[in-house]
């Protein structure tokens, strides 16, 4: 896949987790899916063209908020397509669910969780909230 700015952002958005054997976007076929389904890649490249990659990596969420401030509709559309492309890749779904079926758009039932495990988290959060 080419080194266009939109793909560089895409790769930063989904770095993967080697410890859990979850591949990053760069190690999947997700960029090809993004290229096929997101017709505004050239517009996204233009929007990203003036920014430098190191700045993106320092505060990715802040950078995405800044992009939304400059071009909300385009940025939201890119983020939606990026999420769909990444989670549609069978390598990602296999790593996350041990099933070959892509997570998007297929429904995947997760096992019930023990909400009692969240009690300490909720208690800590409530201490931080002014009522």
C-alpha atoms as a PDB file:
ATOM      1  CA  UNK A   1       0.000   0.000   0.000  1.00  0.00           C
ATOM      2  CA  UNK A   2       1.286   3.467  -0.796  1.00  0.00           C
ATOM      3  CA  UNK A   3       2.576   5.830   1.868  1.00  0.00           C
ATOM      4  CA  UNK A   4      -0.206   8.340   1.467  1.00  0.00           C
ATOM      5  CA  UNK A   5      -0.980  10.498   4.535  1.00  0.00           C
ATOM      6  CA  UNK A   6      -4.423   8.932   5.056  1.00  0.00           C
ATOM      7  CA  UNK A   7      -2.842   5.476   5.350  1.00  0.00           C
ATOM      8  CA  UNK A   8      -0.194   6.742   7.760  1.00  0.00           C
ATOM      9  CA  UNK A   9      -2.979   8.086   9.978  1.00  0.00           C
ATOM     10  CA  UNK A  10      -4.869   4.803   9.606  1.00  0.00           C
ATOM     11  CA  UNK A  11      -1.806   2.829  10.708  1.00  0.00           C
ATOM     12  CA  UNK A  12      -1.400   5.076  13.765  1.00  0.00           C
ATOM     13  CA  UNK A  13      -5.061   4.666  14.686  1.00  0.00           C
ATOM     14  CA  UNK A  14      -4.711   0.870  14.802  1.00  0.00           C
ATOM     15  CA  UNK A  15      -1.201  -0.020  15.988  1.00  0.00           C
ATOM     16  CA  UNK A  16      -2.190  -3.495  17.162  1.00  0.00           C
ATOM     17  CA  UNK A  17      -1.012  -5.241  20.297  1.00  0.00           C
ATOM     18  CA  UNK A  18       1.892  -7.651  19.760  1.00  0.00           C
ATOM     19  CA  UNK A  19       1.591  -8.951  23.332  1.00  0.00           C
ATOM     20  CA  UNK A  20      -1.904 -10.188  22.573  1.00  0.00           C
ATOM     21  CA  UNK A  21      -1.041 -11.081  18.968  1.00  0.00           C
ATOM     22  CA  UNK A  22      -3.449  -8.480  17.561  1.00  0.00           C
ATOM     23  CA  UNK A  23      -2.034  -7.224  14.258  1.00  0.00           C
ATOM     24  CA  UNK A  24      -1.707  -3.545  13.528  1.00  0.00           C
ATOM     25  CA  UNK A  25      -3.484  -2.119  10.492  1.00  0.00           C
ATOM     26  CA  UNK A  26      -0.187  -2.059   8.604  1.00  0.00           C
ATOM     27  CA  UNK A  27       0.099  -5.855   8.981  1.00  0.00           C
ATOM     28  CA  UNK A  28      -3.358  -6.575   7.548  1.00  0.00           C
ATOM     29  CA  UNK A  29      -5.203  -6.058   4.286  1.00  0.00           C
ATOM     30  CA  UNK A  30      -7.327  -3.367   5.879  1.00  0.00           C
ATOM     31  CA  UNK A  31      -5.738  -0.474   3.958  1.00  0.00           C
ATOM     32  CA  UNK A  32      -6.835  -2.075   0.672  1.00  0.00           C
ATOM     33  CA  UNK A  33     -10.365  -2.310   2.073  1.00  0.00           C
ATOM     34  CA  UNK A  34     -10.198   1.351   3.099  1.00  0.00           C
ATOM     35  CA  UNK A  35      -8.938   2.348  -0.337  1.00  0.00           C
ATOM     36  CA  UNK A  36     -11.718   0.391  -2.042  1.00  0.00           C
ATOM     37  CA  UNK A  37     -14.564   1.719   0.116  1.00  0.00           C
ATOM     38  CA  UNK A  38     -13.569   5.269   1.071  1.00  0.00           C
ATOM     39  CA  UNK A  39     -13.878   7.410  -2.049  1.00  0.00           C
ATOM     40  CA  UNK A  40     -12.595  10.566  -0.327  1.00  0.00           C
ATOM     41  CA  UNK A  41      -9.000   9.393   0.257  1.00  0.00           C
ATOM     42  CA  UNK A  42      -7.634  12.206  -1.927  1.00  0.00           C
ATOM     43  CA  UNK A  43      -9.584  14.769   0.107  1.00  0.00           C
ATOM     44  CA  UNK A  44      -8.275  13.238   3.322  1.00  0.00           C
ATOM     45  CA  UNK A  45      -4.713  13.321   1.991  1.00  0.00           C
ATOM     46  CA  UNK A  46      -5.165  17.003   1.165  1.00  0.00           C
ATOM     47  CA  UNK A  47      -6.477  17.713   4.652  1.00  0.00           C
ATOM     48  CA  UNK A  48      -3.525  15.864   6.193  1.00  0.00           C
ATOM     49  CA  UNK A  49      -0.903  17.166   3.778  1.00  0.00           C
ATOM     50  CA  UNK A  50       0.300  20.110   5.859  1.00  0.00           C
ATOM     51  CA  UNK A  51       0.704  18.123   9.078  1.00  0.00           C
ATOM     52  CA  UNK A  52       3.720  16.059  10.021  1.00  0.00           C
ATOM     53  CA  UNK A  53       3.540  12.448  11.165  1.00  0.00           C
ATOM     54  CA  UNK A  54       5.473  12.919  14.444  1.00  0.00           C
ATOM     55  CA  UNK A  55       2.887  15.469  15.590  1.00  0.00           C
ATOM     56  CA  UNK A  56       0.098  12.943  15.000  1.00  0.00           C
ATOM     57  CA  UNK A  57       1.742  10.253  17.094  1.00  0.00           C
ATOM     58  CA  UNK A  58       2.271  12.501  20.132  1.00  0.00           C
ATOM     59  CA  UNK A  59      -1.445  13.072  20.700  1.00  0.00           C
ATOM     60  CA  UNK A  60      -3.510  11.076  18.233  1.00  0.00           C
ATOM     61  CA  UNK A  61      -6.850  11.822  19.908  1.00  0.00           C
ATOM     62  CA  UNK A  62      -6.085  15.539  20.051  1.00  0.00           C
ATOM     63  CA  UNK A  63      -5.016  15.464  16.418  1.00  0.00           C
ATOM     64  CA  UNK A  64      -8.259  13.740  15.383  1.00  0.00           C
ATOM     65  CA  UNK A  65     -10.253  16.364  17.313  1.00  0.00           C
ATOM     66  CA  UNK A  66      -8.334  19.080  15.484  1.00  0.00           C
ATOM     67  CA  UNK A  67      -9.126  17.420  12.145  1.00  0.00           C
ATOM     68  CA  UNK A  68     -12.802  17.290  13.099  1.00  0.00           C
ATOM     69  CA  UNK A  69     -12.650  21.014  13.810  1.00  0.00           C
ATOM     70  CA  UNK A  70     -11.311  21.648  10.308  1.00  0.00           C
ATOM     71  CA  UNK A  71     -13.438  19.134   8.390  1.00  0.00           C
ATOM     72  CA  UNK A  72     -15.908  17.320  10.638  1.00  0.00           C
ATOM     73  CA  UNK A  73     -17.882  15.433   7.999  1.00  0.00           C
ATOM     74  CA  UNK A  74     -14.801  14.187   6.137  1.00  0.00           C
ATOM     75  CA  UNK A  75     -12.989  13.206   9.340  1.00  0.00           C
ATOM     76  CA  UNK A  76     -16.018  11.376  10.749  1.00  0.00           C
ATOM     77  CA  UNK A  77     -16.479   9.522   7.471  1.00  0.00           C
ATOM     78  CA  UNK A  78     -12.798   8.565   7.406  1.00  0.00           C
ATOM     79  CA  UNK A  79     -12.899   7.338  11.001  1.00  0.00           C
ATOM     80  CA  UNK A  80     -16.035   5.281  10.319  1.00  0.00           C
ATOM     81  CA  UNK A  81     -14.506   3.666   7.235  1.00  0.00           C
ATOM     82  CA  UNK A  82     -11.208   3.099   9.047  1.00  0.00           C
ATOM     83  CA  UNK A  83     -12.977   1.262  11.873  1.00  0.00           C
ATOM     84  CA  UNK A  84     -14.978  -0.845   9.425  1.00  0.00           C
ATOM     85  CA  UNK A  85     -11.879  -1.687   7.371  1.00  0.00           C
ATOM     86  CA  UNK A  86      -9.755  -2.672  10.354  1.00  0.00           C
ATOM     87  CA  UNK A  87     -12.353  -4.762  12.161  1.00  0.00           C
ATOM     88  CA  UNK A  88     -13.460  -6.405   8.901  1.00  0.00           C
ATOM     89  CA  UNK A  89     -10.042  -7.971   8.450  1.00  0.00           C
ATOM     90  CA  UNK A  90     -10.142 -11.691   9.324  1.00  0.00           C
ATOM     91  CA  UNK A  91      -6.695 -11.528  10.964  1.00  0.00           C
ATOM     92  CA  UNK A  92      -7.979  -8.956  13.431  1.00  0.00           C
ATOM     93  CA  UNK A  93     -11.191 -10.812  14.250  1.00  0.00           C
ATOM     94  CA  UNK A  94      -9.310 -14.102  14.613  1.00  0.00           C
ATOM     95  CA  UNK A  95      -6.890 -12.466  17.063  1.00  0.00           C
ATOM     96  CA  UNK A  96      -9.691 -10.882  19.099  1.00  0.00           C
ATOM     97  CA  UNK A  97     -12.306 -13.642  19.063  1.00  0.00           C
ATOM     98  CA  UNK A  98     -10.498 -16.814  17.901  1.00  0.00           C
ATOM     99  CA  UNK A  99     -13.080 -16.955  15.094  1.00  0.00           C
ATOM    100  CA  UNK A 100     -12.383 -16.283  11.414  1.00  0.00           C
ATOM    101  CA  UNK A 101     -15.592 -14.260  10.955  1.00  0.00           C
ATOM    102  CA  UNK A 102     -14.923 -10.516  10.707  1.00  0.00           C
ATOM    103  CA  UNK A 103     -16.271  -8.464  13.597  1.00  0.00           C
ATOM    104  CA  UNK A 104     -17.869  -5.938  11.284  1.00  0.00           C
ATOM    105  CA  UNK A 105     -20.661  -6.091  10.142  1.00  0.00           C
ATOM    106  CA  UNK A 106     -21.309  -9.474  11.762  1.00  0.00           C
ATOM    107  CA  UNK A 107     -22.828  -9.732  15.212  1.00  0.00           C
ATOM    108  CA  UNK A 108     -20.558 -11.441  17.714  1.00  0.00           C
ATOM    109  CA  UNK A 109     -21.906 -12.457  21.092  1.00  0.00           C
ATOM    110  CA  UNK A 110     -19.468 -12.062  23.942  1.00  0.00           C
ATOM    111  CA  UNK A 111     -19.702 -14.147  27.085  1.00  0.00           C
ATOM    112  CA  UNK A 112     -21.441 -12.599  30.068  1.00  0.00           C
ATOM    113  CA  UNK A 113     -19.112 -10.732  32.344  1.00  0.00           C
ATOM    114  CA  UNK A 114     -19.124 -10.584  36.118  1.00  0.00           C
ATOM    115  CA  UNK A 115     -20.104  -6.967  36.806  1.00  0.00           C
ATOM    116  CA  UNK A 116     -18.976  -7.362  40.399  1.00  0.00           C
ATOM    117  CA  UNK A 117     -15.448  -7.111  39.027  1.00  0.00           C
ATOM    118  CA  UNK A 118     -16.232  -3.495  38.101  1.00  0.00           C
ATOM    119  CA  UNK A 119     -17.185  -2.494  41.662  1.00  0.00           C
ATOM    120  CA  UNK A 120     -13.687  -1.228  42.605  1.00  0.00           C
ATOM    121  CA  UNK A 121     -13.503   0.780  39.386  1.00  0.00           C
ATOM    122  CA  UNK A 122     -16.887   2.388  39.998  1.00  0.00           C
ATOM    123  CA  UNK A 123     -15.957   3.195  43.586  1.00  0.00           C
ATOM    124  CA  UNK A 124     -12.760   4.909  42.437  1.00  0.00           C
ATOM    125  CA  UNK A 125     -14.636   6.863  39.780  1.00  0.00           C
ATOM    126  CA  UNK A 126     -17.288   8.037  42.209  1.00  0.00           C
ATOM    127  CA  UNK A 127     -14.604   9.496  44.478  1.00  0.00           C
ATOM    128  CA  UNK A 128     -13.398  11.624  41.573  1.00  0.00           C
ATOM    129  CA  UNK A 129     -16.855  12.971  40.687  1.00  0.00           C
ATOM    130  CA  UNK A 130     -18.236  16.029  42.438  1.00  0.00           C
ATOM    131  CA  UNK A 131     -21.901  15.451  43.214  1.00  0.00           C
END
